[in-house]
Amino acid sequence: MASPWVKESARHRFVLWKTPKIIYCAHHDWPRILLLLFLTRCLEWCIQVVVVLEVVTQP
């Protein structure tokens, strides 16, 4: 049975090892996330414009 201190230290090492990777991934995915949000907004806007145009141009 490992002492609590060893367990604690292993957990801290794991967290310290994981955290920079998570921050790195999040940091490098920001442009992609923003781009996706932007494209989604554009798509919604385009759909609205098309719907309005269809309604306006109907006889």
Protein backbone atom coordinates (compact mmCIF):
# COMPACT_ATOMS: atom_id res chain seq x y z
CA MET A 1 0.00 0.00 0.00
CA ALA A 2 1.50 3.33 -1.06
CA SER A 3 1.52 6.11 1.51
CA PRO A 4 -0.99 8.97 0.97
CA TRP A 5 1.91 11.33 0.31
CA VAL A 6 3.15 9.22 -2.63
CA LYS A 7 -0.38 8.99 -4.06
CA GLU A 8 -0.87 12.74 -3.66
CA SER A 9 2.48 13.47 -5.31
CA ALA A 10 1.68 11.13 -8.21
CA ARG A 11 -1.65 12.86 -8.70
CA HIS A 12 0.00 16.29 -8.65
CA ARG A 13 2.59 15.13 -11.16
CA PHE A 14 -0.19 13.83 -13.39
CA VAL A 15 -2.13 17.11 -13.13
CA LEU A 16 1.01 19.16 -13.77
CA TRP A 17 1.79 16.98 -16.78
CA LYS A 18 -1.76 17.17 -18.15
CA THR A 19 -2.57 20.86 -17.59
CA PRO A 20 -0.06 22.38 -20.06
CA LYS A 21 -1.29 19.97 -22.73
CA ILE A 22 -4.92 20.99 -22.14
CA ILE A 23 -4.01 24.70 -22.14
CA TYR A 24 -1.91 24.20 -25.28
CA CYS A 25 -4.76 22.41 -27.08
CA ALA A 26 -7.34 24.98 -26.03
CA HIS A 27 -5.04 27.82 -27.01
CA HIS A 28 -4.37 26.36 -30.44
CA ASP A 29 -8.01 25.44 -31.06
CA TRP A 30 -9.29 28.97 -30.39
CA PRO A 31 -8.89 30.09 -34.03
CA ARG A 32 -10.69 26.96 -35.19
CA ILE A 33 -13.50 27.39 -32.64
CA LEU A 34 -13.92 31.07 -33.56
CA LEU A 35 -13.88 30.21 -37.26
CA LEU A 36 -16.56 27.57 -36.73
CA LEU A 37 -18.72 30.04 -34.79
CA PHE A 38 -18.19 32.66 -37.49
CA LEU A 39 -19.09 30.23 -40.29
CA THR A 40 -22.17 29.07 -38.39
CA ARG A 41 -23.32 32.68 -38.03
CA CYS A 42 -22.66 33.35 -41.72
CA LEU A 43 -24.61 30.26 -42.68
CA GLU A 44 -27.56 31.30 -40.49
CA TRP A 45 -27.47 34.79 -42.00
CA CYS A 46 -27.30 33.43 -45.57
CA ILE A 47 -30.26 31.14 -44.93
CA GLN A 48 -32.28 34.07 -43.56
CA VAL A 49 -31.40 36.22 -46.58
CA VAL A 50 -32.36 33.42 -48.99
CA VAL A 51 -35.68 32.88 -47.19
CA VAL A 52 -36.44 36.62 -47.28
CA LEU A 53 -35.53 36.82 -50.98
CA GLU A 54 -37.75 33.84 -51.77
CA VAL A 55 -40.65 35.44 -49.91
CA VAL A 56 -40.08 38.84 -51.57
CA THR A 57 -39.69 37.48 -55.11
CA GLN A 58 -42.74 35.21 -55.00
CA PRO A 59 -45.54 36.42 -57.24
